C-alpha atoms as a PDB file:
ATOM      1  CA  MET A   1    -120.633 -11.724 -61.430  1.00  0.00           C
ATOM      2  CA  ASN A   2    -117.462 -13.133 -60.140  1.00  0.00           C
ATOM      3  CA  PHE A   3    -115.885 -16.426 -61.380  1.00  0.00           C
ATOM      4  CA  ASN A   4    -112.743 -16.840 -59.576  1.00  0.00           C
ATOM      5  CA  LEU A   5    -110.285 -19.898 -59.647  1.00  0.00           C
ATOM      6  CA  THR A   6    -108.002 -20.269 -56.783  1.00  0.00           C
ATOM      7  CA  ILE A   7    -105.289 -23.273 -56.640  1.00  0.00           C
ATOM      8  CA  LEU A   8    -104.606 -24.287 -53.031  1.00  0.00           C
ATOM      9  CA  GLY A   9    -102.483 -27.639 -54.178  1.00  0.00           C
ATOM     10  CA  SER A  10    -101.416 -28.509 -57.473  1.00  0.00           C
ATOM     11  CA  ASN A  11     -99.284 -31.649 -56.396  1.00  0.00           C
ATOM     12  CA  SER A  12    -100.153 -35.304 -56.662  1.00  0.00           C
ATOM     13  CA  ALA A  13     -99.684 -37.734 -53.797  1.00  0.00           C
ATOM     14  CA  LEU A  14     -96.289 -36.564 -52.158  1.00  0.00           C
ATOM     15  CA  PRO A  15     -96.473 -33.392 -51.107  1.00  0.00           C
ATOM     16  CA  LYS A  16     -94.189 -31.064 -51.867  1.00  0.00           C
ATOM     17  CA  ILE A  17     -92.982 -27.276 -49.869  1.00  0.00           C
ATOM     18  CA  ASN A  18     -93.934 -25.670 -52.756  1.00  0.00           C
ATOM     19  CA  ARG A  19     -96.943 -28.001 -54.008  1.00  0.00           C
ATOM     20  CA  PHE A  20     -99.280 -28.925 -51.657  1.00  0.00           C
ATOM     21  CA  SER A  21    -101.715 -31.743 -52.311  1.00  0.00           C
ATOM     22  CA  THR A  22    -104.724 -31.154 -54.621  1.00  0.00           C
ATOM     23  CA  ALA A  23    -107.630 -28.674 -53.724  1.00  0.00           C
ATOM     24  CA  GLN A  24    -108.788 -25.363 -55.474  1.00  0.00           C
ATOM     25  CA  ILE A  25    -111.670 -22.573 -54.517  1.00  0.00           C
ATOM     26  CA  LEU A  26    -114.089 -22.170 -56.823  1.00  0.00           C
ATOM     27  CA  ASN A  27    -116.015 -18.233 -56.109  1.00  0.00           C
ATOM     28  CA  ILE A  28    -119.120 -18.422 -58.136  1.00  0.00           C
ATOM     29  CA  SER A  29    -121.129 -14.501 -57.362  1.00  0.00           C
ATOM     30  CA  GLU A  30    -119.701 -15.478 -53.474  1.00  0.00           C
ATOM     31  CA  ARG A  31    -120.902 -19.234 -53.476  1.00  0.00           C
ATOM     32  CA  PHE A  32    -117.097 -20.608 -52.803  1.00  0.00           C
ATOM     33  CA  PHE A  33    -117.388 -24.201 -54.038  1.00  0.00           C
ATOM     34  CA  LEU A  34    -113.959 -26.198 -52.429  1.00  0.00           C
ATOM     35  CA  ILE A  35    -113.154 -28.780 -54.937  1.00  0.00           C
ATOM     36  CA  ASP A  36    -111.224 -31.744 -53.418  1.00  0.00           C
ATOM     37  CA  CYS A  37    -109.395 -31.009 -50.162  1.00  0.00           C
ATOM     38  CA  GLY A  38    -105.557 -32.953 -49.826  1.00  0.00           C
ATOM     39  CA  GLU A  39    -103.278 -32.760 -46.706  1.00  0.00           C
ATOM     40  CA  GLY A  40    -102.884 -28.834 -45.722  1.00  0.00           C
ATOM     41  CA  THR A  41    -106.257 -27.268 -47.243  1.00  0.00           C
ATOM     42  CA  GLN A  42    -106.843 -25.456 -44.661  1.00  0.00           C
ATOM     43  CA  ILE A  43    -103.437 -24.221 -44.206  1.00  0.00           C
ATOM     44  CA  GLN A  44    -103.416 -23.105 -48.146  1.00  0.00           C
ATOM     45  CA  LEU A  45    -106.989 -21.163 -47.034  1.00  0.00           C
ATOM     46  CA  ARG A  46    -105.721 -19.315 -44.984  1.00  0.00           C
ATOM     47  CA  ARG A  47    -102.588 -18.327 -47.157  1.00  0.00           C
ATOM     48  CA  TYR A  48    -104.883 -17.478 -50.045  1.00  0.00           C
ATOM     49  CA  GLN A  49    -106.895 -15.700 -47.508  1.00  0.00           C
ATOM     50  CA  ILE A  50    -110.438 -17.513 -47.913  1.00  0.00           C
ATOM     51  CA  LYS A  51    -112.717 -17.001 -45.570  1.00  0.00           C
ATOM     52  CA  PHE A  52    -113.496 -20.428 -43.931  1.00  0.00           C
ATOM     53  CA  SER A  53    -117.315 -19.165 -43.235  1.00  0.00           C
ATOM     54  CA  LYS A  54    -117.906 -18.768 -46.595  1.00  0.00           C
ATOM     55  CA  ILE A  55    -117.149 -22.559 -47.212  1.00  0.00           C
ATOM     56  CA  ASN A  56    -120.623 -24.263 -47.791  1.00  0.00           C
ATOM     57  CA  HIS A  57    -119.774 -27.264 -50.196  1.00  0.00           C
ATOM     58  CA  ILE A  58    -117.146 -29.817 -50.298  1.00  0.00           C
ATOM     59  CA  PHE A  59    -116.970 -31.903 -54.086  1.00  0.00           C
ATOM     60  CA  ILE A  60    -114.590 -34.677 -53.200  1.00  0.00           C
ATOM     61  CA  SER A  61    -113.430 -36.199 -57.336  1.00  0.00           C
ATOM     62  CA  HIS A  62    -112.362 -39.686 -54.903  1.00  0.00           C
ATOM     63  CA  LEU A  63    -111.072 -41.388 -51.960  1.00  0.00           C
ATOM     64  CA  HIS A  64    -107.422 -41.407 -52.095  1.00  0.00           C
ATOM     65  CA  GLY A  65    -105.857 -39.887 -49.448  1.00  0.00           C
ATOM     66  CA  ASP A  66    -104.067 -36.687 -51.299  1.00  0.00           C
ATOM     67  CA  HIS A  67    -107.356 -35.973 -52.200  1.00  0.00           C
ATOM     68  CA  ILE A  68    -109.335 -36.028 -48.824  1.00  0.00           C
ATOM     69  CA  TYR A  69    -106.927 -35.917 -45.896  1.00  0.00           C
ATOM     70  CA  GLY A  70    -107.145 -32.545 -44.871  1.00  0.00           C
ATOM     71  CA  LEU A  71    -111.070 -33.069 -44.879  1.00  0.00           C
ATOM     72  CA  PRO A  72    -110.933 -34.471 -41.011  1.00  0.00           C
ATOM     73  CA  GLY A  73    -108.580 -31.497 -39.620  1.00  0.00           C
ATOM     74  CA  LEU A  74    -110.969 -28.875 -42.229  1.00  0.00           C
ATOM     75  CA  ILE A  75    -114.211 -30.236 -40.109  1.00  0.00           C
ATOM     76  CA  SER A  76    -112.639 -29.694 -36.662  1.00  0.00           C
ATOM     77  CA  THR A  77    -111.651 -26.196 -37.255  1.00  0.00           C
ATOM     78  CA  PHE A  78    -114.923 -25.221 -38.724  1.00  0.00           C
ATOM     79  CA  ASN A  79    -116.032 -27.009 -35.529  1.00  0.00           C
ATOM     80  CA  LEU A  80    -113.596 -24.625 -33.631  1.00  0.00           C
ATOM     81  CA  LEU A  81    -114.804 -21.416 -34.804  1.00  0.00           C
ATOM     82  CA  GLY A  82    -118.185 -22.137 -33.769  1.00  0.00           C
ATOM     83  CA  ARG A  83    -120.045 -23.195 -37.026  1.00  0.00           C
ATOM     84  CA  LYS A  84    -123.629 -23.567 -36.972  1.00  0.00           C
ATOM     85  CA  SER A  85    -124.799 -23.971 -40.370  1.00  0.00           C
ATOM     86  CA  ASP A  86    -124.912 -27.219 -42.215  1.00  0.00           C
ATOM     87  CA  LEU A  87    -121.702 -28.535 -45.042  1.00  0.00           C
ATOM     88  CA  HIS A  88    -122.792 -30.149 -47.662  1.00  0.00           C
ATOM     89  CA  ILE A  89    -120.338 -32.765 -49.096  1.00  0.00           C
ATOM     90  CA  TYR A  90    -120.446 -34.328 -52.599  1.00  0.00           C
ATOM     91  CA  SER A  91    -118.712 -37.406 -52.931  1.00  0.00           C
ATOM     92  CA  HIS A  92    -118.538 -41.415 -53.451  1.00  0.00           C
ATOM     93  CA  SER A  93    -120.792 -43.115 -50.902  1.00  0.00           C
ATOM     94  CA  ASP A  94    -117.802 -44.366 -49.323  1.00  0.00           C
ATOM     95  CA  LEU A  95    -116.515 -41.341 -47.437  1.00  0.00           C
ATOM     96  CA  GLU A  96    -119.679 -40.776 -45.007  1.00  0.00           C
ATOM     97  CA  PRO A  97    -118.876 -43.906 -43.202  1.00  0.00           C
ATOM     98  CA  ILE A  98    -114.819 -43.394 -43.324  1.00  0.00           C
ATOM     99  CA  LEU A  99    -115.476 -39.341 -41.817  1.00  0.00           C
ATOM    100  CA  SER A 100    -118.390 -40.629 -39.220  1.00  0.00           C
ATOM    101  CA  PHE A 101    -115.857 -42.937 -37.590  1.00  0.00           C
ATOM    102  CA  LEU A 102    -113.181 -40.388 -37.515  1.00  0.00           C
ATOM    103  CA  LEU A 103    -115.153 -37.934 -36.133  1.00  0.00           C
ATOM    104  CA  THR A 104    -117.117 -39.968 -34.058  1.00  0.00           C
ATOM    105  CA  ASN A 105    -113.907 -41.079 -32.416  1.00  0.00           C
ATOM    106  CA  ILE A 106    -112.074 -37.633 -32.452  1.00  0.00           C
ATOM    107  CA  GLU A 107    -114.532 -34.681 -32.854  1.00  0.00           C
ATOM    108  CA  ARG A 108    -117.329 -35.792 -31.127  1.00  0.00           C
ATOM    109  CA  ASN A 109    -119.830 -32.818 -30.331  1.00  0.00           C
ATOM    110  CA  LEU A 110    -120.210 -31.023 -33.766  1.00  0.00           C
ATOM    111  CA  GLN A 111    -122.226 -27.935 -33.826  1.00  0.00           C
ATOM    112  CA  PHE A 112    -123.363 -28.242 -37.170  1.00  0.00           C
ATOM    113  CA  LYS A 113    -125.008 -31.174 -39.328  1.00  0.00           C
ATOM    114  CA  ILE A 114    -122.978 -32.712 -42.372  1.00  0.00           C
ATOM    115  CA  VAL A 115    -125.247 -33.511 -45.405  1.00  0.00           C
ATOM    116  CA  TYR A 116    -123.558 -36.174 -47.414  1.00  0.00           C
ATOM    117  CA  HIS A 117    -124.864 -36.197 -51.168  1.00  0.00           C
ATOM    118  CA  GLN A 118    -123.806 -39.407 -53.166  1.00  0.00           C
ATOM    119  CA  THR A 119    -122.632 -38.735 -56.690  1.00  0.00           C
ATOM    120  CA  ASN A 120    -122.713 -41.620 -59.191  1.00  0.00           C
ATOM    121  CA  THR A 121    -119.825 -43.097 -60.843  1.00  0.00           C
ATOM    122  CA  LYS A 122    -120.943 -44.418 -64.067  1.00  0.00           C
ATOM    123  CA  GLU A 123    -122.516 -41.359 -66.045  1.00  0.00           C
ATOM    124  CA  LYS A 124    -122.958 -37.353 -66.112  1.00  0.00           C
ATOM    125  CA  THR A 125    -125.478 -36.509 -63.327  1.00  0.00           C
ATOM    126  CA  ILE A 126    -126.495 -32.814 -61.880  1.00  0.00           C
ATOM    127  CA  ILE A 127    -125.361 -32.965 -57.998  1.00  0.00           C
ATOM    128  CA  TYR A 128    -126.097 -29.341 -56.971  1.00  0.00           C
ATOM    129  CA  GLU A 129    -128.208 -26.371 -58.713  1.00  0.00           C
ATOM    130  CA  ASP A 130    -129.710 -22.914 -57.591  1.00  0.00           C
ATOM    131  CA  LYS A 131    -130.506 -20.011 -59.457  1.00  0.00           C
ATOM    132  CA  LYS A 132    -126.916 -19.040 -60.405  1.00  0.00           C
ATOM    133  CA  VAL A 133    -124.809 -22.218 -60.146  1.00  0.00           C
ATOM    134  CA  ILE A 134    -125.968 -25.938 -61.930  1.00  0.00           C
ATOM    135  CA  VAL A 135    -122.651 -28.398 -60.689  1.00  0.00           C
ATOM    136  CA  GLU A 136    -122.589 -32.012 -62.521  1.00  0.00           C
ATOM    137  CA  ALA A 137    -120.193 -34.938 -62.080  1.00  0.00           C
ATOM    138  CA  PHE A 138    -118.811 -37.121 -64.755  1.00  0.00           C
ATOM    139  CA  PRO A 139    -117.036 -40.694 -64.471  1.00  0.00           C
ATOM    140  CA  LEU A 140    -113.418 -40.384 -65.082  1.00  0.00           C
ATOM    141  CA  LYS A 141    -111.029 -43.427 -65.652  1.00  0.00           C
ATOM    142  CA  HIS A 142    -109.301 -44.455 -62.412  1.00  0.00           C
ATOM    143  CA  LYS A 143    -107.999 -46.887 -60.289  1.00  0.00           C
ATOM    144  CA  ILE A 144    -110.943 -46.248 -57.585  1.00  0.00           C
ATOM    145  CA  PRO A 145    -114.528 -44.971 -58.412  1.00  0.00           C
ATOM    146  CA  THR A 146    -114.021 -41.420 -59.458  1.00  0.00           C
ATOM    147  CA  THR A 147    -115.501 -38.459 -60.648  1.00  0.00           C
ATOM    148  CA  GLY A 148    -114.893 -34.878 -62.807  1.00  0.00           C
ATOM    149  CA  PHE A 149    -116.970 -31.485 -62.257  1.00  0.00           C
ATOM    150  CA  ILE A 150    -118.886 -29.172 -63.827  1.00  0.00           C
ATOM    151  CA  PHE A 151    -119.531 -25.805 -63.109  1.00  0.00           C
ATOM    152  CA  ARG A 152    -121.900 -23.806 -65.062  1.00  0.00           C
ATOM    153  CA  GLU A 153    -123.596 -20.171 -64.435  1.00  0.00           C
ATOM    154  CA  LYS A 154    -127.054 -20.077 -65.649  1.00  0.00           C
ATOM    155  CA  GLN A 155    -128.129 -18.034 -68.134  1.00  0.00           C
ATOM    156  CA  GLN A 156    -129.229 -15.158 -66.689  1.00  0.00           C
ATOM    157  CA  LEU A 157    -132.681 -13.444 -67.800  1.00  0.00           C
ATOM    158  CA  GLN A 158    -132.217 -10.384 -70.586  1.00  0.00           C
ATOM    159  CA  THR A 159    -132.801  -6.729 -69.299  1.00  0.00           C
ATOM    160  CA  LEU A 160    -135.086  -4.802 -70.747  1.00  0.00           C
ATOM    161  CA  ILE A 161    -134.328  -1.469 -72.322  1.00  0.00           C
ATOM    162  CA  LYS A 162    -136.771   0.788 -70.117  1.00  0.00           C
ATOM    163  CA  GLU A 163    -137.857   2.903 -72.817  1.00  0.00           C
ATOM    164  CA  LYS A 164    -138.700   0.515 -75.480  1.00  0.00           C
ATOM    165  CA  ILE A 165    -141.369  -0.477 -72.260  1.00  0.00           C
ATOM    166  CA  GLU A 166    -142.646   2.973 -72.407  1.00  0.00           C
ATOM    167  CA  PHE A 167    -142.681   3.262 -75.793  1.00  0.00           C
ATOM    168  CA  TYR A 168    -144.336   0.509 -76.436  1.00  0.00           C
ATOM    169  CA  GLN A 169    -146.731   0.194 -72.814  1.00  0.00           C
ATOM    170  CA  ILE A 170    -145.544  -3.643 -72.698  1.00  0.00           C
ATOM    171  CA  PRO A 171    -147.567  -4.997 -70.270  1.00  0.00           C
ATOM    172  CA  ILE A 172    -145.769  -6.184 -66.562  1.00  0.00           C
ATOM    173  CA  SER A 173    -147.720  -9.430 -67.306  1.00  0.00           C
ATOM    174  CA  LYS A 174    -145.367  -9.853 -70.663  1.00  0.00           C
ATOM    175  CA  ARG A 175    -142.026  -8.566 -69.019  1.00  0.00           C
ATOM    176  CA  LYS A 176    -141.119 -11.937 -67.884  1.00  0.00           C
ATOM    177  CA  GLU A 177    -141.375 -14.332 -71.215  1.00  0.00           C
ATOM    178  CA  ILE A 178    -139.520 -11.300 -72.983  1.00  0.00           C
ATOM    179  CA  LYS A 179    -136.650 -11.669 -70.526  1.00  0.00           C
ATOM    180  CA  ASP A 180    -137.032 -15.283 -71.412  1.00  0.00           C
ATOM    181  CA  GLY A 181    -136.174 -14.405 -75.217  1.00  0.00           C
ATOM    182  CA  ALA A 182    -140.025 -13.719 -76.342  1.00  0.00           C
ATOM    183  CA  ASN A 183    -141.242 -11.453 -78.836  1.00  0.00           C
ATOM    184  CA  PHE A 184    -144.100  -8.798 -78.227  1.00  0.00           C
ATOM    185  CA  THR A 185    -147.334  -8.366 -80.173  1.00  0.00           C
ATOM    186  CA  THR A 186    -148.348  -5.105 -80.074  1.00  0.00           C
ATOM    187  CA  SER A 187    -152.385  -4.165 -79.262  1.00  0.00           C
ATOM    188  CA  GLU A 188    -152.478  -3.194 -83.046  1.00  0.00           C
ATOM    189  CA  GLY A 189    -150.975  -6.646 -83.904  1.00  0.00           C
ATOM    190  CA  LYS A 190    -147.652  -5.490 -84.566  1.00  0.00           C
ATOM    191  CA  THR A 191    -144.700  -7.758 -83.739  1.00  0.00           C
ATOM    192  CA  ILE A 192    -141.499  -6.453 -81.551  1.00  0.00           C
ATOM    193  CA  LYS A 193    -138.715  -8.482 -82.383  1.00  0.00           C
ATOM    194  CA  ASN A 194    -137.090  -9.681 -78.725  1.00  0.00           C
ATOM    195  CA  SER A 195    -133.643  -8.207 -79.861  1.00  0.00           C
ATOM    196  CA  GLU A 196    -135.232  -4.794 -79.991  1.00  0.00           C
ATOM    197  CA  LEU A 197    -136.434  -4.799 -76.609  1.00  0.00           C
ATOM    198  CA  THR A 198    -134.019  -6.195 -74.592  1.00  0.00           C
ATOM    199  CA  LEU A 199    -129.915  -5.879 -74.061  1.00  0.00           C
ATOM    200  CA  LYS A 200    -127.897  -8.641 -74.832  1.00  0.00           C
ATOM    201  CA  THR A 201    -126.476 -10.793 -71.481  1.00  0.00           C
ATOM    202  CA  LYS A 202    -123.398 -12.550 -71.403  1.00  0.00           C
ATOM    203  CA  GLU A 203    -122.369 -16.144 -72.531  1.00  0.00           C
ATOM    204  CA  PRO A 204    -122.738 -18.327 -69.509  1.00  0.00           C
ATOM    205  CA  ARG A 205    -119.246 -19.213 -68.150  1.00  0.00           C
ATOM    206  CA  SER A 206    -117.944 -22.521 -67.292  1.00  0.00           C
ATOM    207  CA  TYR A 207    -115.251 -24.915 -65.536  1.00  0.00           C
ATOM    208  CA  ALA A 208    -114.565 -28.446 -65.594  1.00  0.00           C
ATOM    209  CA  PHE A 209    -112.364 -30.250 -62.797  1.00  0.00           C
ATOM    210  CA  CYS A 210    -110.281 -33.569 -64.369  1.00  0.00           C
ATOM    211  CA  SER A 211    -108.571 -35.226 -61.810  1.00  0.00           C
ATOM    212  CA  ASP A 212    -107.054 -38.768 -61.162  1.00  0.00           C
ATOM    213  CA  THR A 213    -107.986 -40.343 -65.354  1.00  0.00           C
ATOM    214  CA  GLN A 214    -106.440 -41.951 -67.532  1.00  0.00           C
ATOM    215  CA  PHE A 215    -106.988 -40.445 -70.452  1.00  0.00           C
ATOM    216  CA  SER A 216    -110.569 -41.058 -72.055  1.00  0.00           C
ATOM    217  CA  GLU A 217    -112.438 -39.614 -74.975  1.00  0.00           C
ATOM    218  CA  LYS A 218    -114.790 -39.663 -73.570  1.00  0.00           C
ATOM    219  CA  THR A 219    -113.634 -37.772 -70.816  1.00  0.00           C
ATOM    220  CA  ALA A 220    -113.039 -34.730 -73.644  1.00  0.00           C
ATOM    221  CA  LYS A 221    -117.418 -35.453 -74.927  1.00  0.00           C
ATOM    222  CA  TYR A 222    -118.090 -34.562 -71.568  1.00  0.00           C
ATOM    223  CA  VAL A 223    -115.924 -31.564 -70.951  1.00  0.00           C
ATOM    224  CA  GLU A 224    -116.956 -30.033 -74.451  1.00  0.00           C
ATOM    225  CA  ASN A 225    -116.951 -26.163 -75.346  1.00  0.00           C
ATOM    226  CA  ILE A 226    -116.213 -25.285 -71.783  1.00  0.00           C
ATOM    227  CA  ASN A 227    -114.437 -21.960 -71.456  1.00  0.00           C
ATOM    228  CA  VAL A 228    -111.494 -23.329 -68.397  1.00  0.00           C
ATOM    229  CA  LEU A 229    -110.729 -27.100 -68.104  1.00  0.00           C
ATOM    230  CA  TYR A 230    -108.187 -28.087 -65.632  1.00  0.00           C
ATOM    231  CA  HIS A 231    -106.575 -31.750 -66.247  1.00  0.00           C
ATOM    232  CA  GLU A 232    -104.355 -33.551 -64.634  1.00  0.00           C
ATOM    233  CA  ALA A 233    -101.192 -33.976 -65.873  1.00  0.00           C
ATOM    234  CA  THR A 234     -98.876 -36.293 -63.388  1.00  0.00           C
ATOM    235  CA  PHE A 235     -96.185 -37.127 -66.047  1.00  0.00           C
ATOM    236  CA  LEU A 236     -94.341 -36.109 -69.392  1.00  0.00           C
ATOM    237  CA  GLU A 237     -94.672 -38.430 -72.353  1.00  0.00           C
ATOM    238  CA  ASN A 238     -91.312 -39.976 -72.119  1.00  0.00           C
ATOM    239  CA  LEU A 239     -93.249 -41.871 -68.480  1.00  0.00           C
ATOM    240  CA  LYS A 240     -96.580 -43.066 -70.777  1.00  0.00           C
ATOM    241  CA  ILE A 241     -95.951 -46.378 -69.706  1.00  0.00           C
ATOM    242  CA  ARG A 242     -95.898 -45.540 -65.655  1.00  0.00           C
ATOM    243  CA  ALA A 243     -98.890 -43.128 -66.578  1.00  0.00           C
ATOM    244  CA  LYS A 244    -100.768 -46.151 -67.476  1.00  0.00           C
ATOM    245  CA  GLU A 245     -99.705 -48.198 -65.096  1.00  0.00           C
ATOM    246  CA  THR A 246    -101.357 -45.935 -62.384  1.00  0.00           C
ATOM    247  CA  MET A 247    -104.083 -44.304 -64.593  1.00  0.00           C
ATOM    248  CA  HIS A 248    -102.933 -40.890 -64.977  1.00  0.00           C
ATOM    249  CA  SER A 249    -102.364 -38.801 -67.633  1.00  0.00           C
ATOM    250  CA  THR A 250     -99.535 -37.141 -69.609  1.00  0.00           C
ATOM    251  CA  ALA A 251     -98.986 -33.435 -70.048  1.00  0.00           C
ATOM    252  CA  LYS A 252     -99.957 -34.668 -73.907  1.00  0.00           C
ATOM    253  CA  ASP A 253    -102.941 -35.870 -72.918  1.00  0.00           C
ATOM    254  CA  ALA A 254    -104.178 -33.294 -71.057  1.00  0.00           C
ATOM    255  CA  ALA A 255    -104.055 -31.379 -73.838  1.00  0.00           C
ATOM    256  CA  THR A 256    -105.180 -33.851 -76.104  1.00  0.00           C
ATOM    257  CA  VAL A 257    -108.207 -33.732 -74.566  1.00  0.00           C
ATOM    258  CA  ALA A 258    -108.578 -29.953 -74.349  1.00  0.00           C
ATOM    259  CA  LYS A 259    -108.008 -30.300 -78.442  1.00  0.00           C
ATOM    260  CA  MET A 260    -110.682 -32.410 -79.135  1.00  0.00           C
ATOM    261  CA  ALA A 261    -113.151 -30.855 -76.627  1.00  0.00           C
ATOM    262  CA  GLN A 262    -112.287 -27.306 -78.116  1.00  0.00           C
ATOM    263  CA  VAL A 263    -112.257 -25.484 -74.876  1.00  0.00           C
ATOM    264  CA  LYS A 264    -110.638 -22.067 -74.465  1.00  0.00           C
ATOM    265  CA  LEU A 265    -108.480 -22.632 -72.371  1.00  0.00           C
ATOM    266  CA  LEU A 266    -106.467 -25.759 -70.020  1.00  0.00           C
ATOM    267  CA  LEU A 267    -104.888 -25.807 -66.433  1.00  0.00           C
ATOM    268  CA  ILE A 268    -102.816 -28.600 -66.055  1.00  0.00           C
ATOM    269  CA  GLY A 269    -101.727 -29.541 -62.389  1.00  0.00           C
ATOM    270  CA  HIS A 270    -101.365 -33.071 -60.312  1.00  0.00           C
ATOM    271  CA  PHE A 271     -98.087 -33.236 -61.084  1.00  0.00           C
ATOM    272  CA  SER A 272     -95.875 -36.067 -59.659  1.00  0.00           C
ATOM    273  CA  SER A 273     -92.912 -34.828 -57.023  1.00  0.00           C
ATOM    274  CA  ARG A 274     -90.162 -36.141 -59.121  1.00  0.00           C
ATOM    275  CA  TYR A 275     -90.731 -32.651 -60.989  1.00  0.00           C
ATOM    276  CA  ASN A 276     -88.593 -29.630 -59.315  1.00  0.00           C
ATOM    277  CA  ASN A 277     -89.792 -27.919 -62.576  1.00  0.00           C
ATOM    278  CA  LEU A 278     -92.540 -27.653 -64.798  1.00  0.00           C
ATOM    279  CA  ASP A 279     -91.452 -25.977 -68.095  1.00  0.00           C
ATOM    280  CA  ALA A 280     -91.348 -29.255 -69.457  1.00  0.00           C
ATOM    281  CA  HIS A 281     -94.728 -30.202 -68.791  1.00  0.00           C
ATOM    282  CA  LEU A 282     -96.054 -26.485 -70.046  1.00  0.00           C
ATOM    283  CA  THR A 283     -93.881 -27.157 -73.377  1.00  0.00           C
ATOM    284  CA  GLU A 284     -95.326 -30.721 -74.030  1.00  0.00           C
ATOM    285  CA  ALA A 285     -98.812 -29.393 -73.760  1.00  0.00           C
ATOM    286  CA  LYS A 286     -98.315 -26.368 -75.795  1.00  0.00           C
ATOM    287  CA  LYS A 287     -97.307 -28.971 -78.606  1.00  0.00           C
ATOM    288  CA  VAL A 288    -100.769 -30.094 -78.612  1.00  0.00           C
ATOM    289  CA  PHE A 289    -103.090 -27.569 -77.159  1.00  0.00           C
ATOM    290  CA  GLU A 290    -101.582 -23.648 -77.407  1.00  0.00           C
ATOM    291  CA  ASN A 291    -103.579 -21.963 -74.707  1.00  0.00           C
ATOM    292  CA  THR A 292    -102.397 -23.963 -71.167  1.00  0.00           C
ATOM    293  CA  VAL A 293    -101.290 -22.769 -68.667  1.00  0.00           C
ATOM    294  CA  THR A 294     -99.593 -24.183 -65.485  1.00  0.00           C
ATOM    295  CA  ALA A 295    -101.904 -24.364 -62.122  1.00  0.00           C
ATOM    296  CA  THR A 296     -99.103 -24.393 -59.692  1.00  0.00           C
ATOM    297  CA  ASP A 297    -100.161 -23.245 -55.991  1.00  0.00           C
ATOM    298  CA  GLY A 298    -101.607 -19.595 -55.568  1.00  0.00           C
ATOM    299  CA  PHE A 299    -102.387 -19.377 -59.171  1.00  0.00           C
ATOM    300  CA  THR A 300    -105.518 -17.448 -59.746  1.00  0.00           C
ATOM    301  CA  LEU A 301    -108.339 -16.847 -62.220  1.00  0.00           C
ATOM    302  CA  SER A 302    -110.782 -15.170 -63.390  1.00  0.00           C
ATOM    303  CA  ILE A 303    -112.631 -16.720 -65.726  1.00  0.00           C
END
């Protein structure tokens, strides 16, 4: 199954020519999740050939402009393209009146319904679930209510070995529980271990998105053992005071969270426009957590 990430925007409040404001696309088994929607997101969607019609769920971390200014234009484009299916938006409750006001005065005749889902900015909660994916929101430490998101594959049922089914004459009524991990007892009373009857499934993959946040040990607990962690790294350590004032993180902060959480890979992004070259961010982070990559615009990753 697909589990692919594309970075659409990697800069902070002020976009640069080569780094747009925050936005990402995560493709899990052809479910396309848009994470944040900074200014210029729809341009990047076209640039990286993401089909607009595939996007049914949008997750907004918080209501600062560089994370939501792309939404009104994207919704308008959806409408111009003749969208009919519902669009689900997961965010702080204040987003609904903001968008409703804009759309009432700008895009009055939407051909589709926008379904708003309020995120809990106080504790970790499940906000989306289907047969293959579960999404959780968790609080981050920023100037306004902000959440991070964790996207997880669900554990898939094990595959029965055809030859074993026939050899042990396993009835249909027992196959589901064996796929779930149960052993099988034959008519003679012999117990056949599950490992003999099934093929191992792959471990479920996971991705965590931590934008706009001050360093917090709680964040590390929320994202423990995640496969890939995206964590903002707006500043370098020599601007630590500025990072605290604005409630952002340094590259070292991001790496410290990754190390504490024992994640497999760290992606750093949300870079201040004052930096043209990001080599120092990568160097600073790698001193703490070696397996780090800069998540710049156009960066893609198969998890």
